[in-house]
Amino acid sequence: MLYVKNVPGWERAVRVVAGLAMIACGLLGLSGLVIGYAIAGVGVSTLLTGFIGFCPMCAMAGRRLDASNGRVDTAK
Protein backbone atom coordinates (compact mmCIF):
# COMPACT_ATOMS: atom_id res chain seq x y z
CA MET A 1 0.00 0.00 0.00
CA LEU A 2 1.41 3.40 -0.97
CA TYR A 3 -0.44 5.37 1.67
CA VAL A 4 -1.89 4.97 5.15
CA LYS A 5 -5.45 6.17 5.68
CA ASN A 6 -5.58 9.31 7.77
CA VAL A 7 -9.25 10.31 7.45
CA PRO A 8 -11.82 8.70 9.79
CA GLY A 9 -15.03 7.16 8.44
CA TRP A 10 -17.39 9.96 9.46
CA GLU A 11 -15.14 12.57 7.85
CA ARG A 12 -14.89 10.53 4.67
CA ALA A 13 -18.70 10.61 4.37
CA VAL A 14 -18.73 14.38 4.96
CA ARG A 15 -16.02 14.87 2.33
CA VAL A 16 -17.97 12.87 -0.27
CA VAL A 17 -21.16 14.87 0.33
CA ALA A 18 -19.28 18.20 0.37
CA GLY A 19 -17.38 17.28 -2.79
CA LEU A 20 -20.57 16.46 -4.64
CA ALA A 21 -22.15 19.73 -3.44
CA MET A 22 -19.13 21.75 -4.61
CA ILE A 23 -19.15 20.06 -8.01
CA ALA A 24 -22.88 20.75 -8.41
CA CYS A 25 -22.51 24.38 -7.30
CA GLY A 26 -19.54 24.96 -9.53
CA LEU A 27 -20.95 23.40 -12.67
CA LEU A 28 -24.65 24.18 -12.31
CA GLY A 29 -24.78 27.30 -10.17
CA LEU A 30 -21.84 29.12 -11.72
CA SER A 31 -21.85 27.53 -15.15
CA GLY A 32 -19.47 28.99 -17.68
CA LEU A 33 -17.49 31.04 -15.16
CA VAL A 34 -13.86 30.40 -14.27
CA ILE A 35 -14.66 30.44 -10.54
CA GLY A 36 -17.30 27.77 -11.14
CA TYR A 37 -14.72 25.49 -12.71
CA ALA A 38 -12.31 26.20 -9.86
CA ILE A 39 -14.95 25.29 -7.26
CA ALA A 40 -15.76 22.11 -9.18
CA GLY A 41 -12.05 21.22 -9.28
CA VAL A 42 -11.73 21.62 -5.52
CA GLY A 43 -14.89 19.52 -5.20
CA VAL A 44 -13.29 16.72 -7.22
CA SER A 45 -10.25 16.82 -4.93
CA THR A 46 -12.45 16.71 -1.84
CA LEU A 47 -14.50 13.86 -3.29
CA LEU A 48 -11.37 11.82 -4.06
CA THR A 49 -9.95 12.24 -0.54
CA GLY A 50 -13.30 11.05 0.79
CA PHE A 51 -13.32 7.95 -1.40
CA ILE A 52 -9.66 7.06 -0.87
CA GLY A 53 -9.45 7.94 2.83
CA PHE A 54 -6.10 9.70 2.49
CA CYS A 55 -5.55 13.46 2.57
CA PRO A 56 -2.05 14.65 1.60
CA MET A 57 -2.43 17.93 3.50
CA CYS A 58 -3.44 16.07 6.67
CA ALA A 59 -0.41 13.81 6.24
CA MET A 60 1.86 16.85 5.94
CA ALA A 61 0.40 18.16 9.20
CA GLY A 62 1.17 14.82 10.90
CA ARG A 63 -2.40 13.58 11.22
CA ARG A 64 -2.83 9.79 11.57
CA LEU A 65 -5.53 7.31 12.51
CA ASP A 66 -5.04 5.27 15.65
CA ALA A 67 -5.08 1.64 14.49
CA SER A 68 -6.87 0.34 17.58
CA ASN A 69 -9.99 2.52 17.43
CA GLY A 70 -9.90 4.39 14.10
CA ARG A 71 -9.73 7.82 15.74
CA VAL A 72 -7.43 10.63 14.75
CA ASP A 73 -4.11 10.70 16.59
CA THR A 74 -2.16 13.96 16.21
CA ALA A 75 0.12 13.67 19.25
CA LYS A 76 3.67 12.83 18.18
C-alpha atoms as a PDB file:
ATOM      1  CA  MET A   1       0.000   0.000   0.000  1.00  0.00           C
ATOM      2  CA  LEU A   2       1.413   3.397  -0.971  1.00  0.00           C
ATOM      3  CA  TYR A   3      -0.442   5.370   1.667  1.00  0.00           C
ATOM      4  CA  VAL A   4      -1.887   4.967   5.149  1.00  0.00           C
ATOM      5  CA  LYS A   5      -5.447   6.167   5.676  1.00  0.00           C
ATOM      6  CA  ASN A   6      -5.583   9.313   7.772  1.00  0.00           C
ATOM      7  CA  VAL A   7      -9.246  10.311   7.452  1.00  0.00           C
ATOM      8  CA  PRO A   8     -11.823   8.696   9.792  1.00  0.00           C
ATOM      9  CA  GLY A   9     -15.033   7.164   8.437  1.00  0.00           C
ATOM     10  CA  TRP A  10     -17.388   9.962   9.462  1.00  0.00           C
ATOM     11  CA  GLU A  11     -15.141  12.568   7.849  1.00  0.00           C
ATOM     12  CA  ARG A  12     -14.894  10.525   4.672  1.00  0.00           C
ATOM     13  CA  ALA A  13     -18.700  10.614   4.374  1.00  0.00           C
ATOM     14  CA  VAL A  14     -18.729  14.380   4.962  1.00  0.00           C
ATOM     15  CA  ARG A  15     -16.025  14.875   2.332  1.00  0.00           C
ATOM     16  CA  VAL A  16     -17.969  12.865  -0.265  1.00  0.00           C
ATOM     17  CA  VAL A  17     -21.163  14.869   0.326  1.00  0.00           C
ATOM     18  CA  ALA A  18     -19.279  18.198   0.374  1.00  0.00           C
ATOM     19  CA  GLY A  19     -17.377  17.285  -2.789  1.00  0.00           C
ATOM     20  CA  LEU A  20     -20.574  16.463  -4.636  1.00  0.00           C
ATOM     21  CA  ALA A  21     -22.145  19.727  -3.437  1.00  0.00           C
ATOM     22  CA  MET A  22     -19.131  21.747  -4.611  1.00  0.00           C
ATOM     23  CA  ILE A  23     -19.153  20.058  -8.010  1.00  0.00           C
ATOM     24  CA  ALA A  24     -22.877  20.747  -8.408  1.00  0.00           C
ATOM     25  CA  CYS A  25     -22.509  24.383  -7.295  1.00  0.00           C
ATOM     26  CA  GLY A  26     -19.542  24.962  -9.535  1.00  0.00           C
ATOM     27  CA  LEU A  27     -20.952  23.402 -12.674  1.00  0.00           C
ATOM     28  CA  LEU A  28     -24.652  24.179 -12.309  1.00  0.00           C
ATOM     29  CA  GLY A  29     -24.783  27.304 -10.170  1.00  0.00           C
ATOM     30  CA  LEU A  30     -21.836  29.125 -11.722  1.00  0.00           C
ATOM     31  CA  SER A  31     -21.848  27.532 -15.148  1.00  0.00           C
ATOM     32  CA  GLY A  32     -19.471  28.988 -17.680  1.00  0.00           C
ATOM     33  CA  LEU A  33     -17.489  31.039 -15.157  1.00  0.00           C
ATOM     34  CA  VAL A  34     -13.861  30.402 -14.271  1.00  0.00           C
ATOM     35  CA  ILE A  35     -14.660  30.443 -10.539  1.00  0.00           C
ATOM     36  CA  GLY A  36     -17.301  27.766 -11.143  1.00  0.00           C
ATOM     37  CA  TYR A  37     -14.724  25.486 -12.714  1.00  0.00           C
ATOM     38  CA  ALA A  38     -12.310  26.203  -9.859  1.00  0.00           C
ATOM     39  CA  ILE A  39     -14.945  25.295  -7.265  1.00  0.00           C
ATOM     40  CA  ALA A  40     -15.756  22.114  -9.184  1.00  0.00           C
ATOM     41  CA  GLY A  41     -12.046  21.225  -9.279  1.00  0.00           C
ATOM     42  CA  VAL A  42     -11.734  21.619  -5.523  1.00  0.00           C
ATOM     43  CA  GLY A  43     -14.889  19.521  -5.198  1.00  0.00           C
ATOM     44  CA  VAL A  44     -13.289  16.716  -7.216  1.00  0.00           C
ATOM     45  CA  SER A  45     -10.249  16.817  -4.935  1.00  0.00           C
ATOM     46  CA  THR A  46     -12.450  16.706  -1.835  1.00  0.00           C
ATOM     47  CA  LEU A  47     -14.496  13.864  -3.288  1.00  0.00           C
ATOM     48  CA  LEU A  48     -11.374  11.818  -4.055  1.00  0.00           C
ATOM     49  CA  THR A  49      -9.955  12.244  -0.545  1.00  0.00           C
ATOM     50  CA  GLY A  50     -13.298  11.052   0.789  1.00  0.00           C
ATOM     51  CA  PHE A  51     -13.317   7.945  -1.400  1.00  0.00           C
ATOM     52  CA  ILE A  52      -9.665   7.064  -0.873  1.00  0.00           C
ATOM     53  CA  GLY A  53      -9.447   7.945   2.829  1.00  0.00           C
ATOM     54  CA  PHE A  54      -6.099   9.696   2.490  1.00  0.00           C
ATOM     55  CA  CYS A  55      -5.545  13.455   2.566  1.00  0.00           C
ATOM     56  CA  PRO A  56      -2.051  14.647   1.605  1.00  0.00           C
ATOM     57  CA  MET A  57      -2.433  17.929   3.500  1.00  0.00           C
ATOM     58  CA  CYS A  58      -3.441  16.066   6.671  1.00  0.00           C
ATOM     59  CA  ALA A  59      -0.410  13.815   6.239  1.00  0.00           C
ATOM     60  CA  MET A  60       1.858  16.851   5.944  1.00  0.00           C
ATOM     61  CA  ALA A  61       0.400  18.161   9.204  1.00  0.00           C
ATOM     62  CA  GLY A  62       1.170  14.818  10.898  1.00  0.00           C
ATOM     63  CA  ARG A  63      -2.404  13.578  11.222  1.00  0.00           C
ATOM     64  CA  ARG A  64      -2.831   9.788  11.573  1.00  0.00           C
ATOM     65  CA  LEU A  65      -5.527   7.312  12.505  1.00  0.00           C
ATOM     66  CA  ASP A  66      -5.044   5.268  15.647  1.00  0.00           C
ATOM     67  CA  ALA A  67      -5.075   1.638  14.489  1.00  0.00           C
ATOM     68  CA  SER A  68      -6.873   0.343  17.575  1.00  0.00           C
ATOM     69  CA  ASN A  69      -9.994   2.520  17.431  1.00  0.00           C
ATOM     70  CA  GLY A  70      -9.901   4.386  14.102  1.00  0.00           C
ATOM     71  CA  ARG A  71      -9.734   7.816  15.740  1.00  0.00           C
ATOM     72  CA  VAL A  72      -7.432  10.631  14.751  1.00  0.00           C
ATOM     73  CA  ASP A  73      -4.110  10.702  16.595  1.00  0.00           C
ATOM     74  CA  THR A  74      -2.163  13.955  16.210  1.00  0.00           C
ATOM     75  CA  ALA A  75       0.116  13.675  19.249  1.00  0.00           C
ATOM     76  CA  LYS A  76       3.665  12.833  18.179  1.00  0.00           C
END
